[in-house]
Amino acid sequence: MNSESLDNLVKINKLHREPPDAEEIKGLIRSGTVRLKDARLDSLSIESRFDLSYNAAHALSLAALRHCGYRSDNRYLVFQCLQHTLGLSAAKWRVLDQAH
């Protein structure tokens, strides 16, 4: 994790420091996991499956950010922070960011 980069986002009011909450993080992971499972249902429209996948990715990305002790008010920033929270390459987090 690159907390220096995340702390810079705090300085410009893009992120907020907030102690991790284990129950919140577990809830986000549970939500993301259930959505990913539901996104595999062939009976749903492709639009519904995309929506479920996108929201699962956001919940799991937010769980990583919260685990590191930060919160964001912007969905897109949660994906951009994946580089610093999980070490995800720019090519990978940009796919999620562009889906926003």
N, C-alpha and C. Protein backbone atom coordinates (compact mmCIF):
# COMPACT_ATOMS: atom_id res chain seq x y z
N MET A 1 0.85 -1.19 0.00
CA MET A 1 0.00 0.00 0.00
C MET A 1 0.89 1.24 0.00
N ASN A 2 0.47 2.23 -0.76
CA ASN A 2 1.20 3.49 -0.83
C ASN A 2 0.40 4.55 -0.08
N SER A 3 0.60 4.62 1.23
CA SER A 3 -0.19 5.55 2.03
C SER A 3 0.18 7.00 1.77
N GLU A 4 1.40 7.26 1.30
CA GLU A 4 1.79 8.63 0.99
C GLU A 4 0.89 9.21 -0.10
N SER A 5 0.64 8.44 -1.13
CA SER A 5 -0.24 8.88 -2.22
C SER A 5 -1.66 9.09 -1.71
N LEU A 6 -2.12 8.17 -0.87
CA LEU A 6 -3.48 8.31 -0.32
C LEU A 6 -3.56 9.51 0.62
N ASP A 7 -2.51 9.74 1.41
CA ASP A 7 -2.50 10.91 2.29
C ASP A 7 -2.50 12.21 1.49
N ASN A 8 -1.87 12.20 0.32
CA ASN A 8 -1.91 13.40 -0.55
C ASN A 8 -3.34 13.68 -0.99
N LEU A 9 -4.12 12.62 -1.23
CA LEU A 9 -5.53 12.81 -1.60
C LEU A 9 -6.35 13.33 -0.43
N VAL A 10 -5.94 13.01 0.78
CA VAL A 10 -6.60 13.56 1.97
C VAL A 10 -6.34 15.07 2.03
N LYS A 11 -5.10 15.47 1.76
CA LYS A 11 -4.72 16.88 1.83
C LYS A 11 -5.53 17.75 0.88
N ILE A 12 -5.94 17.18 -0.25
CA ILE A 12 -6.72 17.97 -1.21
C ILE A 12 -8.22 17.64 -1.12
N ASN A 13 -8.62 17.02 -0.02
CA ASN A 13 -10.03 16.71 0.29
C ASN A 13 -10.70 15.77 -0.71
N LYS A 14 -9.93 14.88 -1.30
CA LYS A 14 -10.51 13.86 -2.18
C LYS A 14 -10.80 12.57 -1.41
N LEU A 15 -10.01 12.32 -0.37
CA LEU A 15 -10.22 11.19 0.53
C LEU A 15 -10.33 11.72 1.94
N HIS A 16 -10.92 10.90 2.81
CA HIS A 16 -11.01 11.22 4.23
C HIS A 16 -10.37 10.08 5.00
N ARG A 17 -9.60 10.43 6.01
CA ARG A 17 -9.05 9.41 6.90
C ARG A 17 -10.16 8.97 7.84
N GLU A 18 -10.32 7.68 7.98
CA GLU A 18 -11.33 7.13 8.88
C GLU A 18 -10.86 5.74 9.30
N PRO A 19 -10.79 5.49 10.60
CA PRO A 19 -10.31 4.18 11.05
C PRO A 19 -11.14 3.06 10.41
N PRO A 20 -10.46 1.96 10.04
CA PRO A 20 -11.18 0.82 9.47
C PRO A 20 -12.22 0.28 10.46
N ASP A 21 -13.33 -0.16 9.92
CA ASP A 21 -14.39 -0.77 10.71
C ASP A 21 -14.56 -2.20 10.19
N ALA A 22 -14.16 -3.16 11.01
CA ALA A 22 -14.16 -4.56 10.58
C ALA A 22 -15.54 -5.02 10.11
N GLU A 23 -16.59 -4.60 10.79
CA GLU A 23 -17.95 -5.02 10.39
C GLU A 23 -18.35 -4.40 9.06
N GLU A 24 -18.00 -3.15 8.85
CA GLU A 24 -18.30 -2.51 7.57
C GLU A 24 -17.55 -3.21 6.44
N ILE A 25 -16.28 -3.52 6.67
CA ILE A 25 -15.47 -4.17 5.65
C ILE A 25 -16.03 -5.56 5.34
N LYS A 26 -16.40 -6.31 6.36
CA LYS A 26 -17.01 -7.63 6.14
C LYS A 26 -18.30 -7.50 5.34
N GLY A 27 -19.11 -6.48 5.64
CA GLY A 27 -20.35 -6.25 4.91
C GLY A 27 -20.10 -5.93 3.45
N LEU A 28 -19.09 -5.11 3.18
CA LEU A 28 -18.75 -4.77 1.80
C LEU A 28 -18.27 -6.00 1.03
N ILE A 29 -17.46 -6.82 1.67
CA ILE A 29 -16.97 -8.04 1.03
C ILE A 29 -18.12 -9.01 0.78
N ARG A 30 -19.00 -9.14 1.74
CA ARG A 30 -20.19 -10.01 1.57
C ARG A 30 -21.06 -9.51 0.43
N SER A 31 -21.30 -8.21 0.39
CA SER A 31 -22.12 -7.62 -0.67
C SER A 31 -21.49 -7.85 -2.05
N GLY A 32 -20.19 -7.60 -2.15
CA GLY A 32 -19.51 -7.80 -3.42
C GLY A 32 -19.53 -9.25 -3.86
N THR A 33 -19.35 -10.15 -2.92
CA THR A 33 -19.33 -11.58 -3.24
C THR A 33 -20.69 -12.06 -3.73
N VAL A 34 -21.75 -11.63 -3.06
CA VAL A 34 -23.11 -12.02 -3.46
C VAL A 34 -23.43 -11.47 -4.84
N ARG A 35 -23.06 -10.23 -5.08
CA ARG A 35 -23.32 -9.62 -6.40
C ARG A 35 -22.58 -10.35 -7.51
N LEU A 36 -21.33 -10.73 -7.25
CA LEU A 36 -20.57 -11.48 -8.26
C LEU A 36 -21.23 -12.82 -8.56
N LYS A 37 -21.72 -13.46 -7.53
CA LYS A 37 -22.42 -14.75 -7.72
C LYS A 37 -23.67 -14.54 -8.57
N ASP A 38 -24.44 -13.51 -8.24
CA ASP A 38 -25.67 -13.23 -8.99
C ASP A 38 -25.37 -12.83 -10.44
N ALA A 39 -24.24 -12.18 -10.66
CA ALA A 39 -23.88 -11.74 -12.01
C ALA A 39 -23.62 -12.92 -12.94
N ARG A 40 -23.44 -14.09 -12.39
CA ARG A 40 -23.22 -15.29 -13.22
C ARG A 40 -24.52 -15.94 -13.68
N LEU A 41 -25.64 -15.42 -13.24
CA LEU A 41 -26.93 -16.01 -13.60
C LEU A 41 -27.28 -15.71 -15.05
N ASP A 42 -27.33 -16.76 -15.85
CA ASP A 42 -27.66 -16.60 -17.27
C ASP A 42 -29.08 -16.10 -17.50
N SER A 43 -29.93 -16.26 -16.50
CA SER A 43 -31.33 -15.85 -16.66
C SER A 43 -31.49 -14.32 -16.61
N LEU A 44 -30.46 -13.61 -16.18
CA LEU A 44 -30.54 -12.15 -16.11
C LEU A 44 -30.07 -11.53 -17.43
N SER A 45 -30.57 -10.34 -17.69
CA SER A 45 -30.14 -9.62 -18.89
C SER A 45 -28.67 -9.23 -18.75
N ILE A 46 -28.04 -8.99 -19.87
CA ILE A 46 -26.64 -8.59 -19.86
C ILE A 46 -26.46 -7.27 -19.10
N GLU A 47 -27.44 -6.39 -19.20
CA GLU A 47 -27.38 -5.10 -18.50
C GLU A 47 -27.40 -5.32 -16.98
N SER A 48 -28.27 -6.22 -16.53
CA SER A 48 -28.34 -6.52 -15.10
C SER A 48 -27.06 -7.17 -14.61
N ARG A 49 -26.52 -8.06 -15.42
CA ARG A 49 -25.29 -8.73 -15.04
C ARG A 49 -24.11 -7.75 -14.97
N PHE A 50 -24.09 -6.81 -15.90
CA PHE A 50 -23.05 -5.78 -15.86
C PHE A 50 -23.19 -4.93 -14.61
N ASP A 51 -24.42 -4.51 -14.32
CA ASP A 51 -24.68 -3.68 -13.14
C ASP A 51 -24.24 -4.40 -11.86
N LEU A 52 -24.57 -5.66 -11.76
CA LEU A 52 -24.17 -6.45 -10.59
C LEU A 52 -22.65 -6.55 -10.50
N SER A 53 -22.00 -6.80 -11.63
CA SER A 53 -20.54 -6.92 -11.65
C SER A 53 -19.87 -5.61 -11.26
N TYR A 54 -20.37 -4.52 -11.82
CA TYR A 54 -19.80 -3.21 -11.53
C TYR A 54 -19.95 -2.87 -10.05
N ASN A 55 -21.13 -3.09 -9.51
CA ASN A 55 -21.36 -2.78 -8.10
C ASN A 55 -20.58 -3.71 -7.17
N ALA A 56 -20.36 -4.94 -7.60
CA ALA A 56 -19.51 -5.85 -6.83
C ALA A 56 -18.07 -5.33 -6.81
N ALA A 57 -17.59 -4.92 -7.97
CA ALA A 57 -16.23 -4.38 -8.05
C ALA A 57 -16.08 -3.16 -7.16
N HIS A 58 -17.09 -2.31 -7.14
CA HIS A 58 -17.03 -1.12 -6.29
C HIS A 58 -17.02 -1.50 -4.82
N ALA A 59 -17.89 -2.41 -4.42
CA ALA A 59 -17.96 -2.82 -3.01
C ALA A 59 -16.62 -3.42 -2.55
N LEU A 60 -16.04 -4.26 -3.38
CA LEU A 60 -14.77 -4.89 -3.01
C LEU A 60 -13.61 -3.89 -3.02
N SER A 61 -13.64 -2.95 -3.95
CA SER A 61 -12.62 -1.90 -3.99
C SER A 61 -12.74 -0.98 -2.79
N LEU A 62 -13.97 -0.67 -2.42
CA LEU A 62 -14.20 0.17 -1.24
C LEU A 62 -13.76 -0.56 0.02
N ALA A 63 -13.96 -1.86 0.08
CA ALA A 63 -13.50 -2.64 1.23
C ALA A 63 -11.98 -2.50 1.38
N ALA A 64 -11.25 -2.54 0.26
CA ALA A 64 -9.79 -2.38 0.30
C ALA A 64 -9.41 -1.00 0.80
N LEU A 65 -10.11 0.01 0.33
CA LEU A 65 -9.83 1.38 0.75
C LEU A 65 -10.13 1.57 2.24
N ARG A 66 -11.26 1.03 2.68
CA ARG A 66 -11.64 1.13 4.09
C ARG A 66 -10.67 0.36 4.98
N HIS A 67 -10.19 -0.78 4.49
CA HIS A 67 -9.21 -1.56 5.24
C HIS A 67 -7.93 -0.74 5.49
N CYS A 68 -7.60 0.12 4.54
CA CYS A 68 -6.41 0.96 4.67
C CYS A 68 -6.66 2.21 5.51
N GLY A 69 -7.91 2.43 5.90
CA GLY A 69 -8.22 3.57 6.77
C GLY A 69 -8.61 4.85 6.06
N TYR A 70 -9.21 4.69 4.88
CA TYR A 70 -9.65 5.86 4.11
C TYR A 70 -11.08 5.65 3.64
N ARG A 71 -11.71 6.76 3.30
CA ARG A 71 -13.06 6.75 2.73
C ARG A 71 -13.10 7.78 1.62
N SER A 72 -13.89 7.50 0.59
CA SER A 72 -14.06 8.42 -0.53
C SER A 72 -15.53 8.68 -0.76
N ASP A 73 -15.84 9.90 -1.15
CA ASP A 73 -17.21 10.25 -1.52
C ASP A 73 -17.46 10.01 -3.01
N ASN A 74 -16.40 9.71 -3.76
CA ASN A 74 -16.51 9.55 -5.20
C ASN A 74 -16.24 8.11 -5.61
N ARG A 75 -17.19 7.53 -6.34
CA ARG A 75 -17.06 6.14 -6.79
C ARG A 75 -15.82 5.93 -7.64
N TYR A 76 -15.59 6.83 -8.58
CA TYR A 76 -14.48 6.64 -9.50
C TYR A 76 -13.14 6.66 -8.77
N LEU A 77 -13.02 7.45 -7.73
CA LEU A 77 -11.76 7.54 -6.99
C LEU A 77 -11.44 6.24 -6.26
N VAL A 78 -12.48 5.52 -5.84
CA VAL A 78 -12.28 4.23 -5.19
C VAL A 78 -11.53 3.29 -6.13
N PHE A 79 -11.90 3.30 -7.40
CA PHE A 79 -11.20 2.46 -8.38
C PHE A 79 -9.77 2.96 -8.63
N GLN A 80 -9.60 4.27 -8.72
CA GLN A 80 -8.27 4.83 -8.96
C GLN A 80 -7.31 4.53 -7.82
N CYS A 81 -7.83 4.38 -6.62
CA CYS A 81 -6.99 4.09 -5.46
C CYS A 81 -6.53 2.64 -5.39
N LEU A 82 -7.07 1.78 -6.24
CA LEU A 82 -6.67 0.37 -6.23
C LEU A 82 -5.17 0.21 -6.46
N GLN A 83 -4.58 1.13 -7.18
CA GLN A 83 -3.14 1.09 -7.41
C GLN A 83 -2.40 1.18 -6.07
N HIS A 84 -2.96 1.93 -5.13
CA HIS A 84 -2.30 2.16 -3.85
C HIS A 84 -2.79 1.21 -2.75
N THR A 85 -4.01 0.73 -2.85
CA THR A 85 -4.54 -0.16 -1.81
C THR A 85 -4.19 -1.62 -2.06
N LEU A 86 -4.20 -2.04 -3.33
CA LEU A 86 -3.94 -3.44 -3.65
C LEU A 86 -2.76 -3.65 -4.60
N GLY A 87 -2.14 -2.54 -5.02
CA GLY A 87 -1.04 -2.65 -5.96
C GLY A 87 -1.47 -3.06 -7.36
N LEU A 88 -2.73 -2.77 -7.69
CA LEU A 88 -3.26 -3.13 -9.01
C LEU A 88 -2.62 -2.23 -10.07
N SER A 89 -2.28 -2.80 -11.20
CA SER A 89 -1.67 -2.01 -12.27
C SER A 89 -2.69 -1.00 -12.81
N ALA A 90 -2.16 0.07 -13.37
CA ALA A 90 -3.03 1.11 -13.94
C ALA A 90 -3.92 0.55 -15.05
N ALA A 91 -3.39 -0.36 -15.84
CA ALA A 91 -4.18 -0.95 -16.93
C ALA A 91 -5.42 -1.66 -16.39
N LYS A 92 -5.30 -2.28 -15.23
CA LYS A 92 -6.44 -3.02 -14.66
C LYS A 92 -7.44 -2.10 -13.97
N TRP A 93 -6.97 -1.15 -13.15
CA TRP A 93 -7.94 -0.30 -12.47
C TRP A 93 -8.62 0.65 -13.44
N ARG A 94 -7.97 0.99 -14.53
CA ARG A 94 -8.60 1.89 -15.52
C ARG A 94 -9.81 1.24 -16.19
N VAL A 95 -9.80 -0.08 -16.33
CA VAL A 95 -10.97 -0.78 -16.89
C VAL A 95 -12.18 -0.51 -16.00
N LEU A 96 -12.00 -0.63 -14.70
CA LEU A 96 -13.11 -0.37 -13.77
C LEU A 96 -13.49 1.10 -13.76
N ASP A 97 -12.49 1.96 -13.79
CA ASP A 97 -12.74 3.40 -13.79
C ASP A 97 -13.53 3.82 -15.03
N GLN A 98 -13.20 3.23 -16.18
CA GLN A 98 -13.89 3.58 -17.42
C GLN A 98 -15.33 3.07 -17.42
N ALA A 99 -15.58 1.99 -16.70
CA ALA A 99 -16.96 1.46 -16.62
C ALA A 99 -17.86 2.42 -15.87
N HIS A 100 -17.27 3.27 -15.05
CA HIS A 100 -18.05 4.23 -14.28
C HIS A 100 -18.74 5.19 -15.22
